[in-house]
């Protein structure tokens, strides 16, 4: 989780990603951020995020995003 928080903080250092659970709903993360995140996550965690998993529910919080990463790692 620490690696993910570091990636997120590089995008927006002014957001408390440990508490925020409305990253998409409140438009904190935009489409460019999502593309950057997917690339960084793929590199850092060695997972591929399929298109069908790129939904607001998976990107609304660091916790949801980390759950997605763990689920994808378990599928390998």
C-alpha atoms as a PDB file:
ATOM      1  CA  UNK A   1       0.000   0.000   0.000  1.00  0.00           C
ATOM      2  CA  UNK A   2       2.914   2.376   0.708  1.00  0.00           C
ATOM      3  CA  UNK A   3       4.056   2.144  -2.918  1.00  0.00           C
ATOM      4  CA  UNK A   4       0.568   2.997  -4.155  1.00  0.00           C
ATOM      5  CA  UNK A   5       0.282   5.973  -1.807  1.00  0.00           C
ATOM      6  CA  UNK A   6       3.636   7.253  -3.069  1.00  0.00           C
ATOM      7  CA  UNK A   7       2.425   7.007  -6.680  1.00  0.00           C
ATOM      8  CA  UNK A   8      -0.801   8.845  -5.828  1.00  0.00           C
ATOM      9  CA  UNK A   9       1.016  11.566  -3.889  1.00  0.00           C
ATOM     10  CA  UNK A  10       3.243  12.210  -6.914  1.00  0.00           C
ATOM     11  CA  UNK A  11       0.077  13.052  -8.853  1.00  0.00           C
ATOM     12  CA  UNK A  12      -1.542  15.233  -6.169  1.00  0.00           C
ATOM     13  CA  UNK A  13       0.558  16.006  -3.114  1.00  0.00           C
ATOM     14  CA  UNK A  14      -2.264  18.099  -1.626  1.00  0.00           C
ATOM     15  CA  UNK A  15      -4.711  15.166  -1.214  1.00  0.00           C
ATOM     16  CA  UNK A  16      -4.925  12.860   1.809  1.00  0.00           C
ATOM     17  CA  UNK A  17      -5.236   9.604  -0.094  1.00  0.00           C
ATOM     18  CA  UNK A  18      -5.522   7.540   3.076  1.00  0.00           C
ATOM     19  CA  UNK A  19      -8.823   9.231   3.946  1.00  0.00           C
ATOM     20  CA  UNK A  20     -10.302  10.347   0.632  1.00  0.00           C
ATOM     21  CA  UNK A  21     -12.820   7.950  -0.900  1.00  0.00           C
ATOM     22  CA  UNK A  22     -14.247  10.254  -3.574  1.00  0.00           C
ATOM     23  CA  UNK A  23     -11.270  10.650  -5.904  1.00  0.00           C
ATOM     24  CA  UNK A  24     -13.383  10.178  -9.024  1.00  0.00           C
ATOM     25  CA  UNK A  25     -16.694  11.506  -7.675  1.00  0.00           C
ATOM     26  CA  UNK A  26     -15.059  14.795  -6.643  1.00  0.00           C
ATOM     27  CA  UNK A  27     -12.992  14.972  -9.848  1.00  0.00           C
ATOM     28  CA  UNK A  28      -9.688  14.889  -7.945  1.00  0.00           C
ATOM     29  CA  UNK A  29      -8.389  12.360 -10.458  1.00  0.00           C
ATOM     30  CA  UNK A  30      -8.977  13.163 -14.120  1.00  0.00           C
ATOM     31  CA  UNK A  31      -8.573  10.941 -17.173  1.00  0.00           C
ATOM     32  CA  UNK A  32      -4.900  11.856 -17.564  1.00  0.00           C
ATOM     33  CA  UNK A  33      -4.281  10.915 -13.929  1.00  0.00           C
ATOM     34  CA  UNK A  34      -5.988   7.560 -14.499  1.00  0.00           C
ATOM     35  CA  UNK A  35      -3.807   6.805 -17.535  1.00  0.00           C
ATOM     36  CA  UNK A  36      -0.690   7.772 -15.557  1.00  0.00           C
ATOM     37  CA  UNK A  37      -1.817   5.669 -12.603  1.00  0.00           C
ATOM     38  CA  UNK A  38      -2.452   2.608 -14.750  1.00  0.00           C
ATOM     39  CA  UNK A  39       1.017   2.905 -16.250  1.00  0.00           C
ATOM     40  CA  UNK A  40       2.729   3.380 -12.882  1.00  0.00           C
ATOM     41  CA  UNK A  41       0.754   0.546 -11.256  1.00  0.00           C
ATOM     42  CA  UNK A  42       1.555  -1.780 -14.137  1.00  0.00           C
ATOM     43  CA  UNK A  43       5.257  -1.008 -13.753  1.00  0.00           C
ATOM     44  CA  UNK A  44       5.407  -1.024  -9.933  1.00  0.00           C
ATOM     45  CA  UNK A  45       3.138  -4.005  -9.217  1.00  0.00           C
ATOM     46  CA  UNK A  46       3.618  -6.033 -12.416  1.00  0.00           C
ATOM     47  CA  UNK A  47      -0.105  -6.238 -13.167  1.00  0.00           C
ATOM     48  CA  UNK A  48      -2.202  -5.358 -16.184  1.00  0.00           C
ATOM     49  CA  UNK A  49      -5.439  -3.520 -15.458  1.00  0.00           C
ATOM     50  CA  UNK A  50      -7.993  -4.716 -18.029  1.00  0.00           C
ATOM     51  CA  UNK A  51     -10.315  -2.150 -19.604  1.00  0.00           C
ATOM     52  CA  UNK A  52     -13.357  -3.621 -17.832  1.00  0.00           C
ATOM     53  CA  UNK A  53     -11.728  -2.836 -14.464  1.00  0.00           C
ATOM     54  CA  UNK A  54     -11.279   0.858 -15.290  1.00  0.00           C
ATOM     55  CA  UNK A  55     -14.433   1.935 -13.505  1.00  0.00           C
ATOM     56  CA  UNK A  56     -14.992   4.675 -10.909  1.00  0.00           C
ATOM     57  CA  UNK A  57     -15.507   2.176  -8.080  1.00  0.00           C
ATOM     58  CA  UNK A  58     -11.955   0.865  -8.510  1.00  0.00           C
ATOM     59  CA  UNK A  59     -10.367   4.330  -8.568  1.00  0.00           C
ATOM     60  CA  UNK A  60     -12.420   6.276  -6.000  1.00  0.00           C
ATOM     61  CA  UNK A  61     -10.002   5.549  -3.140  1.00  0.00           C
ATOM     62  CA  UNK A  62      -6.510   4.257  -2.543  1.00  0.00           C
ATOM     63  CA  UNK A  63      -8.045   1.340  -0.650  1.00  0.00           C
ATOM     64  CA  UNK A  64     -10.264   0.355  -3.598  1.00  0.00           C
ATOM     65  CA  UNK A  65      -7.343   0.679  -5.978  1.00  0.00           C
ATOM     66  CA  UNK A  66      -5.116  -1.433  -3.757  1.00  0.00           C
ATOM     67  CA  UNK A  67      -7.836  -4.087  -3.544  1.00  0.00           C
ATOM     68  CA  UNK A  68      -7.931  -4.153  -7.340  1.00  0.00           C
ATOM     69  CA  UNK A  69      -4.147  -4.572  -7.491  1.00  0.00           C
ATOM     70  CA  UNK A  70      -4.237  -7.424  -4.977  1.00  0.00           C
ATOM     71  CA  UNK A  71      -7.057  -9.127  -6.876  1.00  0.00           C
ATOM     72  CA  UNK A  72      -5.129  -8.867 -10.157  1.00  0.00           C
ATOM     73  CA  UNK A  73      -1.961 -10.204  -8.530  1.00  0.00           C
ATOM     74  CA  UNK A  74      -3.909 -13.186  -7.149  1.00  0.00           C
ATOM     75  CA  UNK A  75      -5.227 -13.989 -10.625  1.00  0.00           C
ATOM     76  CA  UNK A  76      -1.707 -14.455 -11.984  1.00  0.00           C
END
